Amino acid sequence: MFTLPLTVAIQEGCARRGLVTAKQPAMAAKTFFCRRISLSVASLVLAATTITIAIEIGTAASAATLLRSVTLVVPNPVLR
């Protein structure tokens, strides 16, 4: 819920920059930054993406464990 507006804003910013420069974001950044900075940023993005994927897989596994361990309690009106 919180990340969707941020994702939309980033996508729109990239699209606007692409319209102005007629280049993809990576090519536009390549003209302004040296190779060392570009590789550093790319490495940080790769690490953040990997960590995010690992967290999402862990969350899905936890949810599956919770769903598996829930016992369904149905009241039986005949026994009362």
N, C-alpha and C. Protein backbone atom coordinates (compact mmCIF):
# COMPACT_ATOMS: atom_id res chain seq x y z
N MET A 1 0.82 -1.18 0.00
CA MET A 1 0.00 0.00 0.00
C MET A 1 0.87 1.25 0.00
N PHE A 2 1.96 1.22 0.75
CA PHE A 2 2.83 2.38 0.83
C PHE A 2 3.79 2.46 -0.35
N THR A 3 4.19 1.31 -0.89
CA THR A 3 5.20 1.31 -1.94
C THR A 3 4.63 1.60 -3.33
N LEU A 4 3.35 1.40 -3.54
CA LEU A 4 2.78 1.64 -4.86
C LEU A 4 2.92 3.10 -5.31
N PRO A 5 2.57 4.09 -4.49
CA PRO A 5 2.76 5.47 -4.94
C PRO A 5 4.23 5.81 -5.22
N LEU A 6 5.14 5.24 -4.43
CA LEU A 6 6.56 5.48 -4.67
C LEU A 6 7.00 4.86 -5.99
N THR A 7 6.52 3.66 -6.28
CA THR A 7 6.85 3.01 -7.53
C THR A 7 6.33 3.80 -8.72
N VAL A 8 5.11 4.28 -8.61
CA VAL A 8 4.51 5.08 -9.69
C VAL A 8 5.32 6.36 -9.89
N ALA A 9 5.73 7.00 -8.80
CA ALA A 9 6.51 8.24 -8.92
C ALA A 9 7.86 8.00 -9.58
N ILE A 10 8.51 6.90 -9.24
CA ILE A 10 9.80 6.59 -9.85
C ILE A 10 9.63 6.29 -11.34
N GLN A 11 8.60 5.51 -11.67
CA GLN A 11 8.36 5.19 -13.08
C GLN A 11 8.05 6.45 -13.88
N GLU A 12 7.26 7.34 -13.31
CA GLU A 12 6.93 8.58 -14.02
C GLU A 12 8.16 9.46 -14.18
N GLY A 13 8.99 9.53 -13.15
CA GLY A 13 10.22 10.31 -13.26
C GLY A 13 11.15 9.77 -14.34
N CYS A 14 11.27 8.45 -14.41
CA CYS A 14 12.11 7.83 -15.45
C CYS A 14 11.53 8.09 -16.84
N ALA A 15 10.21 8.02 -16.95
CA ALA A 15 9.58 8.26 -18.24
C ALA A 15 9.77 9.71 -18.69
N ARG A 16 9.63 10.65 -17.77
CA ARG A 16 9.82 12.06 -18.12
C ARG A 16 11.26 12.34 -18.51
N ARG A 17 12.20 11.78 -17.77
CA ARG A 17 13.60 11.97 -18.11
C ARG A 17 13.90 11.35 -19.47
N GLY A 18 13.30 10.20 -19.75
CA GLY A 18 13.50 9.57 -21.05
C GLY A 18 12.94 10.41 -22.19
N LEU A 19 11.80 11.07 -21.96
CA LEU A 19 11.24 11.94 -22.99
C LEU A 19 12.12 13.15 -23.25
N VAL A 20 12.70 13.70 -22.19
CA VAL A 20 13.52 14.91 -22.33
C VAL A 20 14.86 14.58 -22.97
N THR A 21 15.52 13.53 -22.49
CA THR A 21 16.86 13.22 -22.97
C THR A 21 16.86 12.25 -24.16
N ALA A 22 15.74 11.61 -24.43
CA ALA A 22 15.63 10.59 -25.48
C ALA A 22 16.59 9.43 -25.23
N LYS A 23 16.87 9.17 -23.96
CA LYS A 23 17.74 8.06 -23.58
C LYS A 23 17.10 7.30 -22.43
N GLN A 24 17.52 6.06 -22.28
CA GLN A 24 17.09 5.28 -21.13
C GLN A 24 17.78 5.82 -19.88
N PRO A 25 17.21 5.56 -18.69
CA PRO A 25 17.83 6.10 -17.47
C PRO A 25 19.29 5.69 -17.29
N ALA A 26 19.63 4.47 -17.64
CA ALA A 26 21.02 4.02 -17.49
C ALA A 26 21.95 4.78 -18.43
N MET A 27 21.51 5.03 -19.65
CA MET A 27 22.34 5.76 -20.60
C MET A 27 22.46 7.23 -20.21
N ALA A 28 21.39 7.80 -19.67
CA ALA A 28 21.45 9.19 -19.21
C ALA A 28 22.39 9.32 -18.02
N ALA A 29 22.35 8.37 -17.10
CA ALA A 29 23.24 8.40 -15.95
C ALA A 29 24.69 8.18 -16.37
N LYS A 30 24.89 7.41 -17.42
CA LYS A 30 26.25 7.12 -17.88
C LYS A 30 26.96 8.38 -18.38
N THR A 31 26.19 9.31 -18.93
CA THR A 31 26.82 10.54 -19.41
C THR A 31 27.18 11.49 -18.27
N PHE A 32 26.53 11.38 -17.11
CA PHE A 32 26.79 12.28 -16.00
C PHE A 32 27.73 11.71 -14.94
N PHE A 33 27.77 10.40 -14.79
CA PHE A 33 28.56 9.78 -13.73
C PHE A 33 29.64 8.90 -14.31
N CYS A 34 30.73 8.75 -13.56
CA CYS A 34 31.80 7.88 -14.03
C CYS A 34 31.39 6.41 -13.85
N ARG A 35 32.17 5.54 -14.44
CA ARG A 35 31.87 4.11 -14.41
C ARG A 35 31.89 3.56 -12.98
N ARG A 36 32.79 4.06 -12.16
CA ARG A 36 32.91 3.56 -10.78
C ARG A 36 31.63 3.84 -9.98
N ILE A 37 31.10 5.04 -10.10
CA ILE A 37 29.87 5.39 -9.38
C ILE A 37 28.69 4.59 -9.93
N SER A 38 28.63 4.44 -11.24
CA SER A 38 27.52 3.68 -11.85
C SER A 38 27.53 2.23 -11.39
N LEU A 39 28.71 1.61 -11.33
CA LEU A 39 28.80 0.22 -10.88
C LEU A 39 28.47 0.10 -9.40
N SER A 40 28.87 1.10 -8.61
CA SER A 40 28.55 1.08 -7.18
C SER A 40 27.04 1.15 -6.95
N VAL A 41 26.39 2.06 -7.68
CA VAL A 41 24.94 2.19 -7.54
C VAL A 41 24.23 0.92 -8.02
N ALA A 42 24.70 0.36 -9.13
CA ALA A 42 24.10 -0.87 -9.65
C ALA A 42 24.27 -2.02 -8.66
N SER A 43 25.42 -2.09 -7.99
CA SER A 43 25.65 -3.13 -7.00
C SER A 43 24.72 -2.96 -5.79
N LEU A 44 24.53 -1.72 -5.35
CA LEU A 44 23.62 -1.47 -4.24
C LEU A 44 22.18 -1.82 -4.60
N VAL A 45 21.77 -1.50 -5.82
CA VAL A 45 20.42 -1.85 -6.27
C VAL A 45 20.25 -3.36 -6.33
N LEU A 46 21.25 -4.06 -6.82
CA LEU A 46 21.19 -5.52 -6.89
C LEU A 46 21.10 -6.13 -5.49
N ALA A 47 21.88 -5.61 -4.56
CA ALA A 47 21.83 -6.12 -3.19
C ALA A 47 20.47 -5.85 -2.54
N ALA A 48 19.95 -4.65 -2.74
CA ALA A 48 18.64 -4.31 -2.17
C ALA A 48 17.54 -5.18 -2.76
N THR A 49 17.60 -5.43 -4.05
CA THR A 49 16.60 -6.28 -4.69
C THR A 49 16.68 -7.71 -4.18
N THR A 50 17.88 -8.22 -4.01
CA THR A 50 18.07 -9.58 -3.49
C THR A 50 17.53 -9.70 -2.07
N ILE A 51 17.82 -8.71 -1.24
CA ILE A 51 17.32 -8.74 0.14
C ILE A 51 15.80 -8.66 0.17
N THR A 52 15.23 -7.82 -0.69
CA THR A 52 13.77 -7.69 -0.75
C THR A 52 13.11 -9.00 -1.16
N ILE A 53 13.67 -9.66 -2.16
CA ILE A 53 13.12 -10.95 -2.60
C ILE A 53 13.21 -11.98 -1.48
N ALA A 54 14.33 -12.00 -0.76
CA ALA A 54 14.48 -12.95 0.34
C ALA A 54 13.46 -12.68 1.44
N ILE A 55 13.21 -11.42 1.74
CA ILE A 55 12.23 -11.08 2.76
C ILE A 55 10.83 -11.49 2.32
N GLU A 56 10.50 -11.26 1.06
CA GLU A 56 9.18 -11.65 0.57
C GLU A 56 8.98 -13.16 0.60
N ILE A 57 10.01 -13.92 0.26
CA ILE A 57 9.91 -15.38 0.32
C ILE A 57 9.74 -15.84 1.76
N GLY A 58 10.48 -15.23 2.68
CA GLY A 58 10.33 -15.57 4.09
C GLY A 58 8.94 -15.24 4.62
N THR A 59 8.40 -14.12 4.20
CA THR A 59 7.06 -13.73 4.62
C THR A 59 6.02 -14.70 4.08
N ALA A 60 6.16 -15.10 2.83
CA ALA A 60 5.23 -16.07 2.25
C ALA A 60 5.32 -17.42 2.97
N ALA A 61 6.53 -17.82 3.33
CA ALA A 61 6.69 -19.08 4.06
C ALA A 61 6.05 -19.00 5.44
N SER A 62 6.20 -17.86 6.11
CA SER A 62 5.57 -17.69 7.42
C SER A 62 4.05 -17.72 7.31
N ALA A 63 3.53 -17.08 6.28
CA ALA A 63 2.08 -17.09 6.09
C ALA A 63 1.58 -18.50 5.81
N ALA A 64 2.32 -19.25 5.01
CA ALA A 64 1.92 -20.63 4.72
C ALA A 64 1.95 -21.48 5.98
N THR A 65 2.93 -21.25 6.83
CA THR A 65 3.01 -21.99 8.10
C THR A 65 1.84 -21.65 9.00
N LEU A 66 1.48 -20.38 9.05
CA LEU A 66 0.33 -19.98 9.86
C LEU A 66 -0.96 -20.62 9.35
N LEU A 67 -1.13 -20.61 8.04
CA LEU A 67 -2.35 -21.19 7.47
C LEU A 67 -2.42 -22.70 7.69
N ARG A 68 -1.27 -23.35 7.67
CA ARG A 68 -1.26 -24.79 7.85
C ARG A 68 -1.55 -25.19 9.29
N SER A 69 -1.14 -24.35 10.24
CA SER A 69 -1.29 -24.72 11.64
C SER A 69 -2.62 -24.29 12.24
N VAL A 70 -3.44 -23.58 11.50
CA VAL A 70 -4.73 -23.14 12.03
C VAL A 70 -5.69 -24.31 12.02
N THR A 71 -6.30 -24.56 13.16
CA THR A 71 -7.31 -25.60 13.22
C THR A 71 -8.68 -24.95 13.15
N LEU A 72 -9.54 -25.53 12.40
CA LEU A 72 -10.87 -24.99 12.21
C LEU A 72 -11.79 -25.51 13.30
N VAL A 73 -12.31 -24.60 14.10
CA VAL A 73 -13.21 -24.97 15.19
C VAL A 73 -14.63 -24.62 14.76
N VAL A 74 -15.43 -25.68 14.61
CA VAL A 74 -16.81 -25.50 14.20
C VAL A 74 -17.69 -25.93 15.37
N PRO A 75 -18.52 -25.04 15.88
CA PRO A 75 -19.39 -25.44 16.99
C PRO A 75 -20.44 -26.46 16.54
N ASN A 76 -20.66 -27.43 17.38
CA ASN A 76 -21.62 -28.48 17.07
C ASN A 76 -22.86 -28.25 17.94
N PRO A 77 -23.95 -27.81 17.37
CA PRO A 77 -25.14 -27.50 18.18
C PRO A 77 -25.82 -28.77 18.72
N VAL A 78 -25.53 -29.94 18.17
CA VAL A 78 -26.18 -31.16 18.62
C VAL A 78 -25.68 -31.57 20.01
N LEU A 79 -24.41 -31.34 20.30
CA LEU A 79 -23.83 -31.76 21.57
C LEU A 79 -24.22 -30.88 22.74
N ARG A 80 -24.78 -29.75 22.54
CA ARG A 80 -25.14 -28.85 23.64
C ARG A 80 -26.42 -29.19 24.25
